[in-house]
Protein backbone atom coordinates (compact mmCIF):
# COMPACT_ATOMS: atom_id res chain seq x y z
CA MET A 1 0.03 -0.06 -0.20
CA ARG A 2 2.96 2.65 0.80
CA SER A 3 4.08 1.91 -2.86
CA ARG A 4 1.04 3.19 -4.17
CA THR A 5 0.80 6.49 -2.11
CA MET A 6 4.55 6.99 -3.07
CA ARG A 7 3.76 6.59 -6.58
CA LYS A 8 1.00 9.23 -6.19
CA GLN A 9 2.73 11.64 -4.47
CA LYS A 10 5.55 11.38 -7.00
CA ARG A 11 3.11 12.09 -9.99
CA ASP A 12 1.50 14.66 -7.97
CA SER A 13 4.61 16.32 -7.55
CA THR A 14 5.87 15.93 -11.16
CA GLN A 15 2.56 17.42 -12.30
CA ARG A 16 2.95 20.53 -9.93
CA HIS A 17 6.69 20.97 -11.11
CA PHE A 18 5.54 20.64 -14.96
CA ASN A 19 2.43 23.21 -14.28
CA ARG A 20 4.68 25.88 -12.24
CA GLY A 21 7.26 25.83 -15.15
CA TYR A 22 4.37 26.20 -17.79
CA GLN A 23 3.11 28.99 -15.89
CA ILE A 24 6.45 30.83 -15.78
CA GLY A 25 7.01 30.13 -19.51
CA LEU A 26 3.35 31.30 -20.64
CA ALA A 27 4.08 34.64 -18.58
CA GLY A 28 7.29 35.38 -20.67
CA LYS A 29 9.95 34.78 -17.71
CA SER A 30 13.30 33.36 -17.77
CA ARG A 31 13.94 29.71 -17.50
CA ASP A 32 16.50 31.16 -14.71
CA LEU A 33 13.78 31.41 -12.41
CA CYS A 34 13.45 27.46 -11.77
CA PRO A 35 13.79 27.12 -8.29
CA LEU A 36 14.53 23.26 -8.43
CA ASN A 37 18.08 21.66 -7.94
CA ASN A 38 17.31 18.14 -8.49
CA MET A 39 17.77 17.22 -11.91
CA ASP A 40 14.98 15.05 -12.51
CA GLU A 41 12.51 17.72 -11.18
CA ARG A 42 14.43 20.77 -13.14
CA ALA A 43 13.96 18.55 -16.32
CA VAL A 44 10.18 18.29 -15.73
CA TRP A 45 9.97 22.24 -14.75
CA MET A 46 11.99 23.09 -17.72
CA SER A 47 9.64 20.95 -20.15
CA GLY A 48 6.54 22.91 -18.73
CA TRP A 49 8.73 25.99 -19.21
CA ARG A 50 9.19 25.21 -22.98
CA SER A 51 5.75 24.15 -23.38
CA GLY A 52 4.47 27.58 -21.66
CA ARG A 53 7.04 29.29 -23.86
CA GLU A 54 5.72 27.99 -26.98
CA ALA A 55 2.39 29.09 -25.74
CA TYR A 56 3.45 32.52 -25.41
CA TRP A 57 5.29 32.72 -28.60
CA GLY A 58 2.35 31.42 -30.08
CA GLY A 59 0.27 34.62 -28.94
CA MET A 60 -1.47 32.32 -26.16
CA SER A 61 -2.54 34.56 -23.12
CA GLY A 62 -5.43 34.93 -20.87
CA VAL A 63 -8.48 32.98 -21.83
CA ALA A 64 -6.78 31.74 -25.34
CA ALA A 65 -4.30 29.98 -23.12
CA LEU A 66 -6.57 28.30 -21.15
CA HIS A 67 -7.16 25.23 -23.32
CA ARG A 68 -3.46 24.57 -23.49
CA ASP A 69 -3.05 24.87 -19.73
CA PRO A 70 -1.78 21.47 -18.39
CA SER A 71 -3.47 22.41 -14.96
CA MET A 72 -6.90 22.71 -16.42
CA GLY A 73 -7.04 19.00 -17.91
């Protein structure tokens, strides 16, 4: 039972890191704002940041960006 809880916590933190990176990227902010030092967590955050930057560069902002926001799915 413990391992199931551990996996769920890991998924939750992974999703949370991705979402936070996405929001920073969508706001057009620098990747240097990544607060994570763990390489795996940082990679997930950076992936979210890149997705957010793509949306930002594509003109997605405000309501237009909601359909791409990973936290809304």
